Amino acid sequence: MTVVLVHGAWHDSSCWDPLRAELASRGLRTVAPDLPSDRPGLGAAEYARAVVDAVAGEAQGGRSPHGHLPGGDTDGPPAHGIGPLLLVGHSLGGLTVPVAAQLLGPARVSAL
């Protein structure tokens, strides 16, 4: 399982560092994207795309410029070695994870 940690407004992914260390000690993989919450005018769709891009980048071993997971199919089976996904959102991240889950598809996301 991979835990995707989505921060709130006025934070960045580093706020998850202590939790990421604890989860890693328990054998869980984590992904903690940086949301573009510092850019006025962006909303849940853009934030969700940042989450999908981060998951895709982790699955491909590097950053994906278009947020496509291997095979380019966002409703397909979990990407090799990256799923199933547990999406965790704090504050503003809680508004983002349902949109990201919809983009990633039910075959990849096991829980929010």
N, C-alpha and C. Protein backbone atom coordinates (compact mmCIF):
# COMPACT_ATOMS: atom_id res chain seq x y z
N MET A 1 0.84 -1.17 0.00
CA MET A 1 0.00 0.00 0.00
C MET A 1 0.89 1.24 0.00
N THR A 2 0.44 2.26 -0.70
CA THR A 2 1.10 3.55 -0.72
C THR A 2 0.16 4.58 -0.11
N VAL A 3 0.66 5.34 0.85
CA VAL A 3 -0.11 6.39 1.50
C VAL A 3 0.24 7.71 0.84
N VAL A 4 -0.77 8.37 0.30
CA VAL A 4 -0.58 9.67 -0.36
C VAL A 4 -1.05 10.74 0.62
N LEU A 5 -0.12 11.57 1.06
CA LEU A 5 -0.37 12.58 2.09
C LEU A 5 -0.49 13.95 1.45
N VAL A 6 -1.68 14.55 1.56
CA VAL A 6 -1.97 15.82 0.90
C VAL A 6 -2.12 16.91 1.97
N HIS A 7 -1.23 17.89 1.94
CA HIS A 7 -1.20 18.95 2.96
C HIS A 7 -2.32 19.95 2.78
N GLY A 8 -2.47 20.79 3.80
CA GLY A 8 -3.46 21.86 3.77
C GLY A 8 -2.86 23.15 3.22
N ALA A 9 -3.70 24.19 3.21
CA ALA A 9 -3.23 25.50 2.77
C ALA A 9 -2.16 26.00 3.74
N TRP A 10 -1.27 26.81 3.21
CA TRP A 10 -0.19 27.43 3.99
C TRP A 10 0.85 26.42 4.47
N HIS A 11 0.81 25.21 3.96
CA HIS A 11 1.82 24.20 4.27
C HIS A 11 2.49 23.77 2.97
N ASP A 12 3.45 22.89 3.10
CA ASP A 12 3.99 22.18 1.95
C ASP A 12 4.21 20.74 2.39
N SER A 13 4.73 19.93 1.51
CA SER A 13 4.84 18.50 1.80
C SER A 13 5.73 18.18 2.99
N SER A 14 6.62 19.10 3.35
CA SER A 14 7.53 18.83 4.48
C SER A 14 6.78 18.69 5.80
N CYS A 15 5.55 19.20 5.88
CA CYS A 15 4.79 19.07 7.14
C CYS A 15 4.52 17.59 7.46
N TRP A 16 4.61 16.73 6.47
CA TRP A 16 4.37 15.30 6.66
C TRP A 16 5.63 14.52 7.02
N ASP A 17 6.80 15.15 7.05
CA ASP A 17 8.05 14.42 7.24
C ASP A 17 8.06 13.50 8.46
N PRO A 18 7.63 13.95 9.65
CA PRO A 18 7.64 13.02 10.80
C PRO A 18 6.74 11.80 10.57
N LEU A 19 5.57 12.01 10.00
CA LEU A 19 4.67 10.89 9.73
C LEU A 19 5.24 9.98 8.66
N ARG A 20 5.85 10.55 7.64
CA ARG A 20 6.46 9.73 6.57
C ARG A 20 7.54 8.82 7.15
N ALA A 21 8.34 9.35 8.07
CA ALA A 21 9.40 8.55 8.70
C ALA A 21 8.78 7.39 9.49
N GLU A 22 7.72 7.67 10.21
CA GLU A 22 7.05 6.62 10.99
C GLU A 22 6.43 5.57 10.08
N LEU A 23 5.77 6.01 9.03
CA LEU A 23 5.16 5.05 8.11
C LEU A 23 6.22 4.21 7.40
N ALA A 24 7.33 4.83 7.03
CA ALA A 24 8.43 4.09 6.39
C ALA A 24 8.98 3.03 7.34
N SER A 25 9.06 3.36 8.63
CA SER A 25 9.57 2.38 9.60
C SER A 25 8.64 1.18 9.73
N ARG A 26 7.42 1.36 9.30
CA ARG A 26 6.43 0.28 9.33
C ARG A 26 6.26 -0.38 7.96
N GLY A 27 7.14 -0.03 7.03
CA GLY A 27 7.14 -0.67 5.73
C GLY A 27 6.15 -0.10 4.72
N LEU A 28 5.63 1.09 4.99
CA LEU A 28 4.68 1.70 4.06
C LEU A 28 5.37 2.76 3.21
N ARG A 29 5.04 2.74 1.94
CA ARG A 29 5.55 3.73 1.01
C ARG A 29 4.65 4.96 1.11
N THR A 30 5.24 6.15 0.95
CA THR A 30 4.45 7.38 0.99
C THR A 30 4.79 8.27 -0.20
N VAL A 31 3.82 9.08 -0.56
CA VAL A 31 3.98 10.14 -1.55
C VAL A 31 3.37 11.39 -0.92
N ALA A 32 4.10 12.49 -0.95
CA ALA A 32 3.59 13.74 -0.37
C ALA A 32 3.81 14.87 -1.38
N PRO A 33 2.81 15.12 -2.22
CA PRO A 33 2.95 16.16 -3.23
C PRO A 33 2.87 17.56 -2.62
N ASP A 34 3.42 18.52 -3.31
CA ASP A 34 3.24 19.93 -2.96
C ASP A 34 2.08 20.46 -3.79
N LEU A 35 1.06 20.96 -3.12
CA LEU A 35 -0.06 21.58 -3.83
C LEU A 35 0.33 23.00 -4.24
N PRO A 36 -0.20 23.47 -5.35
CA PRO A 36 0.09 24.84 -5.79
C PRO A 36 -0.79 25.86 -5.08
N SER A 37 -0.99 25.68 -3.77
CA SER A 37 -1.91 26.54 -3.02
C SER A 37 -1.38 27.96 -2.84
N ASP A 38 -0.14 28.20 -3.21
CA ASP A 38 0.42 29.55 -3.15
C ASP A 38 0.12 30.36 -4.41
N ARG A 39 -0.57 29.73 -5.36
CA ARG A 39 -0.90 30.41 -6.62
C ARG A 39 -2.38 30.78 -6.62
N PRO A 40 -2.70 32.06 -6.50
CA PRO A 40 -4.10 32.50 -6.45
C PRO A 40 -4.87 32.06 -7.69
N GLY A 41 -6.14 31.75 -7.48
CA GLY A 41 -7.01 31.41 -8.59
C GLY A 41 -7.09 29.94 -8.91
N LEU A 42 -6.22 29.13 -8.32
CA LEU A 42 -6.28 27.70 -8.58
C LEU A 42 -7.22 27.06 -7.56
N GLY A 43 -7.79 25.93 -7.95
CA GLY A 43 -8.73 25.25 -7.07
C GLY A 43 -8.52 23.76 -7.03
N ALA A 44 -9.57 23.05 -6.65
CA ALA A 44 -9.50 21.61 -6.43
C ALA A 44 -9.01 20.84 -7.65
N ALA A 45 -9.41 21.25 -8.84
CA ALA A 45 -8.99 20.52 -10.04
C ALA A 45 -7.47 20.58 -10.22
N GLU A 46 -6.90 21.76 -10.05
CA GLU A 46 -5.44 21.91 -10.19
C GLU A 46 -4.70 21.21 -9.06
N TYR A 47 -5.25 21.28 -7.85
CA TYR A 47 -4.62 20.60 -6.72
C TYR A 47 -4.66 19.08 -6.93
N ALA A 48 -5.80 18.58 -7.40
CA ALA A 48 -5.92 17.15 -7.66
C ALA A 48 -4.94 16.71 -8.75
N ARG A 49 -4.75 17.54 -9.76
CA ARG A 49 -3.79 17.21 -10.82
C ARG A 49 -2.38 17.12 -10.24
N ALA A 50 -2.04 17.97 -9.27
CA ALA A 50 -0.73 17.89 -8.61
C ALA A 50 -0.56 16.56 -7.88
N VAL A 51 -1.64 16.08 -7.28
CA VAL A 51 -1.60 14.78 -6.59
C VAL A 51 -1.40 13.66 -7.61
N VAL A 52 -2.16 13.68 -8.69
CA VAL A 52 -2.04 12.66 -9.73
C VAL A 52 -0.64 12.68 -10.34
N ASP A 53 -0.11 13.88 -10.59
CA ASP A 53 1.25 13.99 -11.14
C ASP A 53 2.27 13.38 -10.19
N ALA A 54 2.11 13.63 -8.90
CA ALA A 54 3.06 13.08 -7.92
C ALA A 54 2.99 11.56 -7.86
N VAL A 55 1.78 11.02 -7.89
CA VAL A 55 1.62 9.56 -7.89
C VAL A 55 2.22 8.98 -9.17
N ALA A 56 1.95 9.62 -10.29
CA ALA A 56 2.50 9.15 -11.56
C ALA A 56 4.02 9.21 -11.55
N GLY A 57 4.55 10.29 -11.03
CA GLY A 57 6.00 10.44 -10.95
C GLY A 57 6.62 9.36 -10.08
N GLU A 58 6.00 9.05 -8.97
CA GLU A 58 6.49 7.99 -8.08
C GLU A 58 6.42 6.63 -8.78
N ALA A 59 5.33 6.39 -9.49
CA ALA A 59 5.16 5.11 -10.18
C ALA A 59 6.19 4.94 -11.29
N GLN A 60 6.59 6.04 -11.91
CA GLN A 60 7.52 5.99 -13.03
C GLN A 60 8.95 6.27 -12.62
N GLY A 61 9.17 6.47 -11.32
CA GLY A 61 10.52 6.71 -10.84
C GLY A 61 11.03 8.11 -11.15
N GLY A 62 10.15 8.99 -11.54
CA GLY A 62 10.52 10.38 -11.86
C GLY A 62 9.28 11.18 -12.10
N ARG A 63 9.42 12.45 -12.25
CA ARG A 63 8.28 13.35 -12.43
C ARG A 63 7.61 13.14 -13.78
N SER A 64 6.29 13.02 -13.77
CA SER A 64 5.52 12.92 -15.02
C SER A 64 4.93 14.28 -15.35
N PRO A 65 5.24 14.85 -16.51
CA PRO A 65 4.74 16.18 -16.82
C PRO A 65 3.25 16.23 -17.10
N HIS A 66 2.64 15.10 -17.40
CA HIS A 66 1.22 15.11 -17.76
C HIS A 66 0.35 14.31 -16.83
N GLY A 67 0.89 13.73 -15.77
CA GLY A 67 0.09 13.03 -14.80
C GLY A 67 -0.45 11.70 -15.27
N HIS A 68 0.16 11.11 -16.29
CA HIS A 68 -0.32 9.82 -16.77
C HIS A 68 0.41 8.70 -16.04
N LEU A 69 -0.35 7.76 -15.54
CA LEU A 69 0.26 6.59 -14.94
C LEU A 69 0.64 5.62 -16.04
N PRO A 70 1.51 4.66 -15.77
CA PRO A 70 1.93 3.72 -16.81
C PRO A 70 0.74 3.17 -17.59
N GLY A 71 0.84 3.19 -18.88
CA GLY A 71 -0.25 2.74 -19.74
C GLY A 71 -1.17 3.89 -20.13
N GLY A 72 -1.04 5.04 -19.45
CA GLY A 72 -1.86 6.20 -19.77
C GLY A 72 -3.31 6.06 -19.41
N ASP A 73 -3.67 5.04 -18.64
CA ASP A 73 -5.07 4.76 -18.32
C ASP A 73 -5.32 5.08 -16.86
N THR A 74 -6.06 6.15 -16.57
CA THR A 74 -6.28 6.54 -15.18
C THR A 74 -7.32 5.67 -14.49
N ASP A 75 -8.00 4.79 -15.19
CA ASP A 75 -8.97 3.91 -14.54
C ASP A 75 -8.49 2.46 -14.51
N GLY A 76 -7.26 2.23 -14.88
CA GLY A 76 -6.73 0.87 -14.95
C GLY A 76 -6.30 0.34 -13.61
N PRO A 77 -5.65 -0.79 -13.61
CA PRO A 77 -5.20 -1.40 -12.37
C PRO A 77 -4.10 -0.57 -11.72
N PRO A 78 -3.79 -0.84 -10.45
CA PRO A 78 -2.75 -0.08 -9.78
C PRO A 78 -1.44 -0.12 -10.56
N ALA A 79 -0.76 1.00 -10.59
CA ALA A 79 0.54 1.06 -11.24
C ALA A 79 1.50 0.13 -10.51
N HIS A 80 2.41 -0.46 -11.25
CA HIS A 80 3.35 -1.42 -10.70
C HIS A 80 4.07 -0.82 -9.48
N GLY A 81 3.91 -1.47 -8.32
CA GLY A 81 4.63 -1.09 -7.13
C GLY A 81 4.10 0.12 -6.40
N ILE A 82 3.06 0.77 -6.89
CA ILE A 82 2.62 2.01 -6.28
C ILE A 82 1.27 1.86 -5.56
N GLY A 83 0.46 0.91 -5.90
CA GLY A 83 -0.87 0.82 -5.30
C GLY A 83 -0.99 -0.36 -4.38
N PRO A 84 -2.12 -0.54 -3.76
CA PRO A 84 -3.26 0.38 -3.77
C PRO A 84 -2.93 1.66 -3.00
N LEU A 85 -3.70 2.69 -3.28
CA LEU A 85 -3.45 4.00 -2.68
C LEU A 85 -4.43 4.29 -1.56
N LEU A 86 -3.91 4.87 -0.49
CA LEU A 86 -4.72 5.41 0.60
C LEU A 86 -4.46 6.91 0.57
N LEU A 87 -5.49 7.70 0.26
CA LEU A 87 -5.34 9.16 0.16
C LEU A 87 -5.73 9.80 1.49
N VAL A 88 -4.81 10.59 2.05
CA VAL A 88 -5.02 11.27 3.32
C VAL A 88 -4.90 12.76 3.08
N GLY A 89 -5.93 13.50 3.46
CA GLY A 89 -5.90 14.94 3.28
C GLY A 89 -6.08 15.68 4.58
N HIS A 90 -5.27 16.71 4.78
CA HIS A 90 -5.40 17.58 5.95
C HIS A 90 -5.97 18.91 5.50
N SER A 91 -7.04 19.35 6.14
CA SER A 91 -7.64 20.65 5.89
C SER A 91 -7.95 20.82 4.39
N LEU A 92 -7.32 21.74 3.70
CA LEU A 92 -7.56 21.94 2.27
C LEU A 92 -7.31 20.64 1.49
N GLY A 93 -6.37 19.83 1.95
CA GLY A 93 -6.11 18.54 1.31
C GLY A 93 -7.32 17.63 1.36
N GLY A 94 -8.16 17.80 2.39
CA GLY A 94 -9.39 17.01 2.49
C GLY A 94 -10.40 17.33 1.40
N LEU A 95 -10.30 18.53 0.85
CA LEU A 95 -11.15 18.89 -0.29
C LEU A 95 -10.56 18.41 -1.60
N THR A 96 -9.27 18.16 -1.60
CA THR A 96 -8.56 17.76 -2.80
C THR A 96 -8.62 16.25 -3.04
N VAL A 97 -8.53 15.45 -1.98
CA VAL A 97 -8.42 14.00 -2.17
C VAL A 97 -9.62 13.36 -2.86
N PRO A 98 -10.86 13.80 -2.65
CA PRO A 98 -11.95 13.16 -3.41
C PRO A 98 -11.84 13.41 -4.92
N VAL A 99 -11.38 14.59 -5.28
CA VAL A 99 -11.21 14.90 -6.71
C VAL A 99 -10.07 14.08 -7.28
N ALA A 100 -8.97 13.98 -6.53
CA ALA A 100 -7.84 13.15 -6.97
C ALA A 100 -8.25 11.69 -7.09
N ALA A 101 -9.04 11.21 -6.13
CA ALA A 101 -9.51 9.81 -6.17
C ALA A 101 -10.33 9.55 -7.42
N GLN A 102 -11.15 10.51 -7.80
CA GLN A 102 -11.95 10.35 -9.02
C GLN A 102 -11.05 10.27 -10.24
N LEU A 103 -10.01 11.10 -10.29
CA LEU A 103 -9.08 11.08 -11.42
C LEU A 103 -8.28 9.78 -11.47
N LEU A 104 -7.86 9.30 -10.31
CA LEU A 104 -7.05 8.08 -10.24
C LEU A 104 -7.87 6.82 -10.51
N GLY A 105 -9.13 6.84 -10.15
CA GLY A 105 -10.03 5.72 -10.40
C GLY A 105 -10.07 4.72 -9.25
N PRO A 106 -11.20 4.04 -9.13
CA PRO A 106 -11.41 3.09 -8.02
C PRO A 106 -10.50 1.88 -8.03
N ALA A 107 -9.93 1.55 -9.17
CA ALA A 107 -9.02 0.41 -9.22
C ALA A 107 -7.69 0.73 -8.53
N ARG A 108 -7.38 2.02 -8.39
CA ARG A 108 -6.11 2.43 -7.76
C ARG A 108 -6.30 2.87 -6.31
N VAL A 109 -7.42 3.49 -5.98
CA VAL A 109 -7.61 4.08 -4.67
C VAL A 109 -8.43 3.14 -3.79
N SER A 110 -7.84 2.73 -2.67
CA SER A 110 -8.54 1.80 -1.79
C SER A 110 -9.33 2.52 -0.70
N ALA A 111 -8.88 3.73 -0.32
CA ALA A 111 -9.59 4.45 0.75
C ALA A 111 -9.15 5.91 0.76
N LEU A 112 -10.02 6.73 1.36
CA LEU A 112 -9.71 8.15 1.58
C LEU A 112 -9.62 8.36 3.07
